[in-house]
Protein backbone atom coordinates (compact mmCIF):
# COMPACT_ATOMS: atom_id res chain seq x y z
CA MET A 1 -4.75 0.39 -22.14
CA THR A 2 -3.77 1.88 -18.81
CA LYS A 3 -0.10 2.04 -17.96
CA LEU A 4 1.20 2.99 -14.53
CA THR A 5 4.88 3.54 -13.83
CA VAL A 6 6.64 4.04 -10.52
CA ASN A 7 8.00 7.45 -11.56
CA SER A 8 4.63 8.77 -12.74
CA ALA A 9 2.88 7.40 -9.64
CA LEU A 10 5.38 9.01 -7.27
CA ALA A 11 5.10 12.27 -9.21
CA GLU A 12 1.33 12.20 -8.56
CA LEU A 13 2.10 12.32 -4.81
CA GLU A 14 4.20 15.48 -5.07
CA GLY A 15 2.14 18.33 -3.69
CA HIS A 16 -0.66 15.93 -2.72
CA ASP A 17 -1.93 16.35 0.86
CA ALA A 18 -1.96 12.62 1.73
CA PRO A 19 0.66 9.81 1.61
CA PHE A 20 -1.50 7.83 -0.84
CA LYS A 21 -3.28 8.53 -4.09
CA LYS A 22 -5.78 6.55 -6.13
CA LEU A 23 -4.42 6.12 -9.65
CA PHE A 24 -6.76 3.64 -11.35
CA SER A 25 -9.98 1.71 -10.83
CA HIS A 26 -11.89 -0.89 -12.79
CA GLY A 27 -14.71 -3.01 -11.39
CA SER A 28 -13.76 -3.85 -7.81
CA LEU A 29 -10.04 -3.13 -8.39
CA VAL A 30 -8.50 0.10 -7.09
CA VAL A 31 -4.78 0.82 -7.55
CA GLU A 32 -3.03 3.35 -5.34
CA ILE A 33 0.50 4.52 -4.64
CA TYR A 34 1.43 4.79 -0.94
CA LYS A 35 4.50 6.51 0.51
CA PRO A 36 4.14 7.41 4.19
CA VAL A 37 6.67 9.77 5.77
CA GLY A 38 8.10 8.73 9.13
CA VAL A 39 5.12 6.80 10.45
CA ASP A 40 2.32 4.72 8.92
CA LEU A 41 -0.97 5.87 10.45
CA GLN A 42 -3.35 3.72 8.40
CA THR A 43 -6.25 1.88 10.01
CA PRO A 44 -7.90 -1.40 8.91
CA HIS A 45 -9.58 -1.30 5.51
CA THR A 46 -12.99 -2.67 4.54
CA ARG A 47 -11.71 -4.63 1.52
CA ASP A 48 -8.93 -7.17 0.93
CA GLU A 49 -5.69 -5.63 -0.30
CA VAL A 50 -2.33 -6.51 -1.74
CA TYR A 51 0.83 -4.44 -1.39
CA VAL A 52 3.72 -4.76 -3.84
CA VAL A 53 6.75 -3.06 -2.30
CA ILE A 54 8.45 -0.74 -4.79
CA SER A 55 11.39 0.43 -2.69
CA GLY A 56 12.67 0.54 0.85
CA SER A 57 12.68 -1.96 3.68
CA GLY A 58 11.43 -2.29 7.22
CA SER A 59 8.90 -4.41 9.06
CA PHE A 60 5.24 -5.09 8.31
CA MET A 61 2.69 -5.71 11.05
CA ASN A 62 -0.23 -7.81 9.81
CA GLY A 63 -2.53 -8.76 12.68
CA ASP A 64 -0.37 -10.44 15.35
CA SER A 65 2.55 -11.01 12.98
CA VAL A 66 5.49 -8.66 12.38
CA GLU A 67 7.88 -9.64 9.58
CA PRO A 68 10.64 -7.84 7.64
CA PHE A 69 9.88 -6.67 4.09
CA GLU A 70 12.03 -5.74 1.10
CA PRO A 71 11.60 -4.37 -2.44
CA GLY A 72 9.60 -6.60 -4.76
CA GLU A 73 7.76 -8.32 -1.93
CA VAL A 74 4.02 -9.01 -2.18
CA LEU A 75 2.00 -8.65 1.04
CA PHE A 76 -1.66 -9.66 1.49
CA VAL A 77 -4.02 -8.22 4.11
CA LYS A 78 -7.53 -9.48 4.75
CA ALA A 79 -10.29 -6.89 5.12
CA GLY A 80 -10.63 -5.55 8.67
CA VAL A 81 -7.18 -6.68 9.88
CA GLU A 82 -5.01 -4.12 11.67
CA HIS A 83 -1.78 -3.65 9.73
CA ARG A 84 0.96 -1.09 9.12
CA PHE A 85 4.51 -0.62 7.97
CA VAL A 86 6.95 0.04 10.84
CA ASP A 87 10.61 1.04 11.09
CA PHE A 88 10.75 1.64 7.33
CA THR A 89 13.46 3.45 5.39
CA GLU A 90 12.93 6.94 3.93
CA ASP A 91 12.75 5.56 0.40
CA PHE A 92 9.84 3.22 1.20
CA ALA A 93 7.02 3.24 -1.36
CA THR A 94 4.47 0.60 -2.33
CA TRP A 95 1.70 -0.13 -4.79
CA VAL A 96 -1.65 -0.87 -3.12
CA PHE A 97 -4.34 -3.00 -4.78
CA PHE A 98 -7.80 -3.09 -3.18
CA TYR A 99 -10.23 -5.60 -4.63
CA GLY A 100 -13.37 -7.61 -3.99
CA PRO A 101 -16.45 -6.84 -1.93
CA GLU A 102 -16.72 -4.84 1.27
CA GLY A 103 -15.82 -7.18 4.14
CA GLY A 104 -13.42 -9.18 1.96
CA GLU A 105 -13.71 -12.43 0.07
């Protein structure tokens, strides 16, 4: 059994040179922790993904849409779509789940 906790995931980021870290993978599933500082510089990904917001708030740009987000929210992004978190609080952190084939389902 694999168990991931918020505290252990965030601890993995301490001293890490990127705002994200891969924590688990199985089959097509990859689980990461993501905690950008100040600005979200990510670019579109090649696989579908789901974010589950751990903490913080702000806005989320997904394609042409920009909507507020809050803790506990689940956000879906299709492969290849430009997206990013904007105007987020300092405590923002999220789980990231990549899955499925390259190019999306």
